[in-house]
N, C-alpha and C. Protein backbone atom coordinates (compact mmCIF):
# COMPACT_ATOMS: atom_id res chain seq x y z
N UNK A 1 0.83 -1.19 0.00
CA UNK A 1 0.00 0.00 0.00
C UNK A 1 0.88 1.25 0.00
N UNK A 2 0.58 2.20 -0.86
CA UNK A 2 1.37 3.41 -0.98
C UNK A 2 1.06 4.39 0.14
N UNK A 3 2.10 5.12 0.56
CA UNK A 3 1.91 6.16 1.57
C UNK A 3 1.29 7.39 0.90
N UNK A 4 0.74 8.32 1.70
CA UNK A 4 0.18 9.55 1.11
C UNK A 4 1.21 10.34 0.29
N UNK A 5 2.46 10.34 0.74
CA UNK A 5 3.52 11.06 0.01
C UNK A 5 3.75 10.40 -1.34
N UNK A 6 3.81 9.07 -1.37
CA UNK A 6 4.02 8.36 -2.64
C UNK A 6 2.90 8.65 -3.63
N UNK A 7 1.67 8.71 -3.13
CA UNK A 7 0.54 9.01 -3.99
C UNK A 7 0.65 10.42 -4.58
N UNK A 8 1.06 11.38 -3.73
CA UNK A 8 1.24 12.76 -4.22
C UNK A 8 2.34 12.83 -5.27
N UNK A 9 3.48 12.22 -5.00
CA UNK A 9 4.61 12.26 -5.93
C UNK A 9 4.27 11.59 -7.26
N UNK A 10 3.48 10.53 -7.21
CA UNK A 10 3.11 9.82 -8.43
C UNK A 10 2.16 10.65 -9.30
N UNK A 11 1.27 11.41 -8.65
CA UNK A 11 0.26 12.14 -9.42
C UNK A 11 0.68 13.56 -9.83
N UNK A 12 1.80 14.07 -9.29
CA UNK A 12 2.26 15.43 -9.62
C UNK A 12 3.74 15.37 -10.02
N UNK A 13 4.01 15.67 -11.28
CA UNK A 13 5.36 15.52 -11.83
C UNK A 13 6.42 16.39 -11.17
N UNK A 14 6.13 17.64 -10.90
CA UNK A 14 7.14 18.58 -10.39
C UNK A 14 7.32 18.54 -8.88
N UNK A 15 6.55 17.74 -8.19
CA UNK A 15 6.59 17.69 -6.74
C UNK A 15 7.87 17.00 -6.27
N UNK A 16 8.47 17.55 -5.19
CA UNK A 16 9.71 17.03 -4.62
C UNK A 16 9.48 16.73 -3.15
N UNK A 17 10.09 15.66 -2.64
CA UNK A 17 9.96 15.31 -1.23
C UNK A 17 11.35 15.20 -0.61
N UNK A 18 11.55 15.84 0.55
CA UNK A 18 12.81 15.77 1.28
C UNK A 18 12.52 15.30 2.69
N UNK A 19 13.36 14.40 3.21
CA UNK A 19 13.16 13.87 4.56
C UNK A 19 14.35 14.21 5.44
N UNK A 20 14.05 14.56 6.69
CA UNK A 20 15.07 14.78 7.70
C UNK A 20 15.96 15.99 7.45
N UNK A 21 15.41 17.04 6.83
CA UNK A 21 16.21 18.25 6.60
C UNK A 21 16.12 19.16 7.82
N UNK A 22 17.22 19.85 8.13
CA UNK A 22 17.29 20.69 9.32
C UNK A 22 16.91 22.12 8.99
N UNK A 23 16.00 22.68 9.79
CA UNK A 23 15.55 24.07 9.63
C UNK A 23 16.54 24.98 10.35
N UNK A 24 17.14 25.93 9.63
CA UNK A 24 18.08 26.86 10.26
C UNK A 24 17.43 28.22 10.56
N UNK A 25 16.28 28.51 9.93
CA UNK A 25 15.58 29.77 10.18
C UNK A 25 14.10 29.57 9.91
N UNK A 26 13.25 30.15 10.79
CA UNK A 26 11.80 30.07 10.60
C UNK A 26 11.19 31.41 10.99
N UNK A 27 10.59 32.10 10.02
CA UNK A 27 9.91 33.36 10.31
C UNK A 27 8.43 33.21 10.02
N UNK A 28 7.62 33.98 10.76
CA UNK A 28 6.17 33.97 10.59
C UNK A 28 5.69 35.41 10.57
N UNK A 29 4.85 35.72 9.58
CA UNK A 29 4.29 37.08 9.53
C UNK A 29 2.89 37.03 8.95
N UNK A 30 2.08 38.02 9.31
CA UNK A 30 0.72 38.10 8.81
C UNK A 30 0.73 38.45 7.33
N UNK A 31 -0.17 37.83 6.60
CA UNK A 31 -0.27 38.06 5.16
C UNK A 31 -1.74 38.10 4.80
N UNK A 32 -2.13 39.10 4.06
CA UNK A 32 -3.53 39.22 3.67
C UNK A 32 -4.15 40.46 4.28
N UNK A 33 -5.40 40.70 3.91
CA UNK A 33 -6.09 41.87 4.43
C UNK A 33 -7.55 41.55 4.66
N UNK A 34 -8.17 42.31 5.52
CA UNK A 34 -9.60 42.11 5.77
C UNK A 34 -9.88 40.81 6.50
N UNK A 35 -10.87 40.07 6.00
CA UNK A 35 -11.33 38.86 6.67
C UNK A 35 -10.39 37.66 6.47
N UNK A 36 -9.66 37.65 5.39
CA UNK A 36 -8.79 36.51 5.07
C UNK A 36 -7.38 36.73 5.61
N UNK A 37 -7.17 36.58 6.89
CA UNK A 37 -5.85 36.71 7.49
C UNK A 37 -5.14 35.36 7.49
N UNK A 38 -3.95 35.32 6.94
CA UNK A 38 -3.13 34.11 6.90
C UNK A 38 -1.79 34.43 7.55
N UNK A 39 -1.11 33.41 8.00
CA UNK A 39 0.25 33.55 8.51
C UNK A 39 1.18 32.95 7.45
N UNK A 40 2.11 33.76 6.93
CA UNK A 40 3.08 33.29 5.95
C UNK A 40 4.32 32.80 6.71
N UNK A 41 4.64 31.53 6.52
CA UNK A 41 5.81 30.92 7.16
C UNK A 41 6.91 30.80 6.11
N UNK A 42 8.12 31.19 6.48
CA UNK A 42 9.27 31.07 5.59
C UNK A 42 10.36 30.31 6.33
N UNK A 43 10.82 29.23 5.72
CA UNK A 43 11.86 28.39 6.31
C UNK A 43 13.11 28.45 5.45
N UNK A 44 14.25 28.44 6.10
CA UNK A 44 15.52 28.24 5.40
C UNK A 44 16.07 26.91 5.90
N UNK A 45 16.54 26.11 4.96
CA UNK A 45 16.99 24.75 5.23
C UNK A 45 18.50 24.67 5.09
N UNK A 46 19.11 23.90 5.96
CA UNK A 46 20.56 23.71 5.94
C UNK A 46 21.01 23.17 4.58
N UNK A 47 21.98 23.84 3.97
CA UNK A 47 22.52 23.40 2.68
C UNK A 47 21.73 23.85 1.47
N UNK A 48 20.72 24.71 1.65
CA UNK A 48 19.90 25.18 0.53
C UNK A 48 19.74 26.70 0.64
N UNK A 49 19.93 27.40 -0.48
CA UNK A 49 19.83 28.86 -0.49
C UNK A 49 18.43 29.38 -0.80
N UNK A 50 17.52 28.52 -1.22
CA UNK A 50 16.17 28.95 -1.59
C UNK A 50 15.26 28.89 -0.36
N UNK A 51 14.38 29.90 -0.19
CA UNK A 51 13.42 29.86 0.92
C UNK A 51 12.27 28.89 0.63
N UNK A 52 11.75 28.30 1.67
CA UNK A 52 10.60 27.40 1.59
C UNK A 52 9.43 28.14 2.24
N UNK A 53 8.32 28.34 1.49
CA UNK A 53 7.20 29.14 1.98
C UNK A 53 5.91 28.33 2.02
N UNK A 54 5.09 28.63 3.04
CA UNK A 54 3.74 28.08 3.10
C UNK A 54 2.89 28.98 3.98
N UNK A 55 1.56 28.90 3.79
CA UNK A 55 0.61 29.70 4.56
C UNK A 55 -0.25 28.79 5.42
N UNK A 56 -0.56 29.27 6.61
CA UNK A 56 -1.48 28.60 7.51
C UNK A 56 -2.34 29.64 8.20
N UNK A 57 -3.44 29.23 8.78
CA UNK A 57 -4.33 30.15 9.48
C UNK A 57 -3.78 30.57 10.84
N UNK A 58 -2.95 29.71 11.47
CA UNK A 58 -2.43 29.98 12.80
C UNK A 58 -0.91 29.95 12.81
N UNK A 59 -0.33 30.56 13.84
CA UNK A 59 1.11 30.50 14.02
C UNK A 59 1.49 29.12 14.54
N UNK A 60 2.70 28.70 14.22
CA UNK A 60 3.27 27.45 14.73
C UNK A 60 4.28 27.81 15.80
N UNK A 61 4.68 26.81 16.58
CA UNK A 61 5.86 27.03 17.42
C UNK A 61 7.04 27.12 16.45
N UNK A 62 8.12 27.72 16.88
CA UNK A 62 9.28 27.88 16.00
C UNK A 62 9.84 26.52 15.61
N UNK A 63 10.13 26.35 14.34
CA UNK A 63 10.71 25.12 13.83
C UNK A 63 12.24 25.22 13.72
N UNK A 64 12.81 26.32 14.17
CA UNK A 64 14.25 26.51 14.07
C UNK A 64 14.98 25.40 14.82
N UNK A 65 15.90 24.74 14.13
CA UNK A 65 16.67 23.65 14.71
C UNK A 65 16.02 22.29 14.58
N UNK A 66 14.76 22.24 14.16
CA UNK A 66 14.04 20.96 14.03
C UNK A 66 14.38 20.28 12.71
N UNK A 67 14.21 18.97 12.69
CA UNK A 67 14.31 18.22 11.44
C UNK A 67 12.89 17.96 10.97
N UNK A 68 12.67 18.17 9.66
CA UNK A 68 11.33 18.04 9.10
C UNK A 68 11.36 17.23 7.80
N UNK A 69 10.20 16.69 7.46
CA UNK A 69 9.96 16.10 6.15
C UNK A 69 9.07 17.08 5.40
N UNK A 70 9.42 17.42 4.17
CA UNK A 70 8.65 18.39 3.40
C UNK A 70 8.39 17.89 1.99
N UNK A 71 7.22 18.24 1.49
CA UNK A 71 6.86 18.00 0.10
C UNK A 71 6.57 19.38 -0.49
N UNK A 72 7.20 19.69 -1.63
CA UNK A 72 7.14 21.06 -2.16
C UNK A 72 7.32 21.08 -3.67
N UNK A 73 6.92 22.24 -4.24
CA UNK A 73 7.10 22.54 -5.65
C UNK A 73 8.17 23.62 -5.79
N UNK A 74 9.17 23.44 -6.66
CA UNK A 74 10.07 24.55 -6.97
C UNK A 74 9.32 25.55 -7.87
N UNK A 75 9.46 26.83 -7.58
CA UNK A 75 8.81 27.87 -8.38
C UNK A 75 9.69 29.11 -8.38
N UNK A 76 9.30 30.10 -9.15
CA UNK A 76 10.06 31.35 -9.25
C UNK A 76 9.12 32.52 -8.94
N UNK A 77 9.57 33.42 -8.06
CA UNK A 77 8.84 34.66 -7.77
C UNK A 77 9.66 35.83 -8.29
N UNK A 78 8.98 36.86 -8.77
CA UNK A 78 9.66 38.07 -9.22
C UNK A 78 9.59 39.09 -8.09
N UNK A 79 10.77 39.49 -7.59
CA UNK A 79 10.85 40.46 -6.50
C UNK A 79 11.73 41.61 -6.99
N UNK A 80 11.15 42.80 -7.08
CA UNK A 80 11.86 43.99 -7.54
C UNK A 80 12.54 43.76 -8.88
N UNK A 81 11.88 43.02 -9.77
CA UNK A 81 12.42 42.79 -11.10
C UNK A 81 13.39 41.63 -11.20
N UNK A 82 13.68 40.96 -10.09
CA UNK A 82 14.61 39.83 -10.09
C UNK A 82 13.83 38.53 -9.92
N UNK A 83 14.25 37.49 -10.63
CA UNK A 83 13.67 36.16 -10.46
C UNK A 83 14.33 35.49 -9.26
N UNK A 84 13.52 35.08 -8.29
CA UNK A 84 14.01 34.43 -7.08
C UNK A 84 13.41 33.02 -7.02
N UNK A 85 14.25 32.00 -6.86
CA UNK A 85 13.76 30.64 -6.72
C UNK A 85 13.18 30.46 -5.33
N UNK A 86 11.96 29.93 -5.26
CA UNK A 86 11.24 29.72 -4.01
C UNK A 86 10.62 28.33 -4.05
N UNK A 87 10.59 27.68 -2.90
CA UNK A 87 9.95 26.37 -2.80
C UNK A 87 8.59 26.54 -2.12
N UNK A 88 7.53 26.14 -2.79
CA UNK A 88 6.18 26.25 -2.25
C UNK A 88 5.84 24.93 -1.56
N UNK A 89 5.78 24.96 -0.23
CA UNK A 89 5.55 23.77 0.58
C UNK A 89 4.08 23.39 0.57
N UNK A 90 3.77 22.13 0.28
CA UNK A 90 2.39 21.66 0.32
C UNK A 90 2.16 20.69 1.49
N UNK A 91 3.24 20.19 2.07
CA UNK A 91 3.12 19.27 3.20
C UNK A 91 4.39 19.35 4.03
N UNK A 92 4.24 19.49 5.36
CA UNK A 92 5.39 19.53 6.25
C UNK A 92 5.05 18.77 7.53
N UNK A 93 6.00 17.97 7.99
CA UNK A 93 5.83 17.20 9.22
C UNK A 93 7.15 17.17 9.97
N UNK A 94 7.08 17.20 11.30
CA UNK A 94 8.28 17.04 12.09
C UNK A 94 8.84 15.63 11.88
N UNK A 95 10.15 15.54 11.80
CA UNK A 95 10.83 14.26 11.52
C UNK A 95 10.94 13.44 12.78
């Protein structure tokens, strides 16, 4: 029987899964306006220069120093005219 991660990876070509990666930085800030308030989480992972981003309705405890399993899509955001590689997290779990 396939795990939920295996099912996701099989059905989405660009999806990537990493296990046991160490979080070196975790920031949380409010994102949105009016009734739709979200918390934007940004993680930096040991050995990777690209930020990992995801949104949730509530704040988490800090993940700094924790090991996590993540499933994400590589994508590009344009910031001030520059293309920045960003990882859009769709699933995260403590390792």
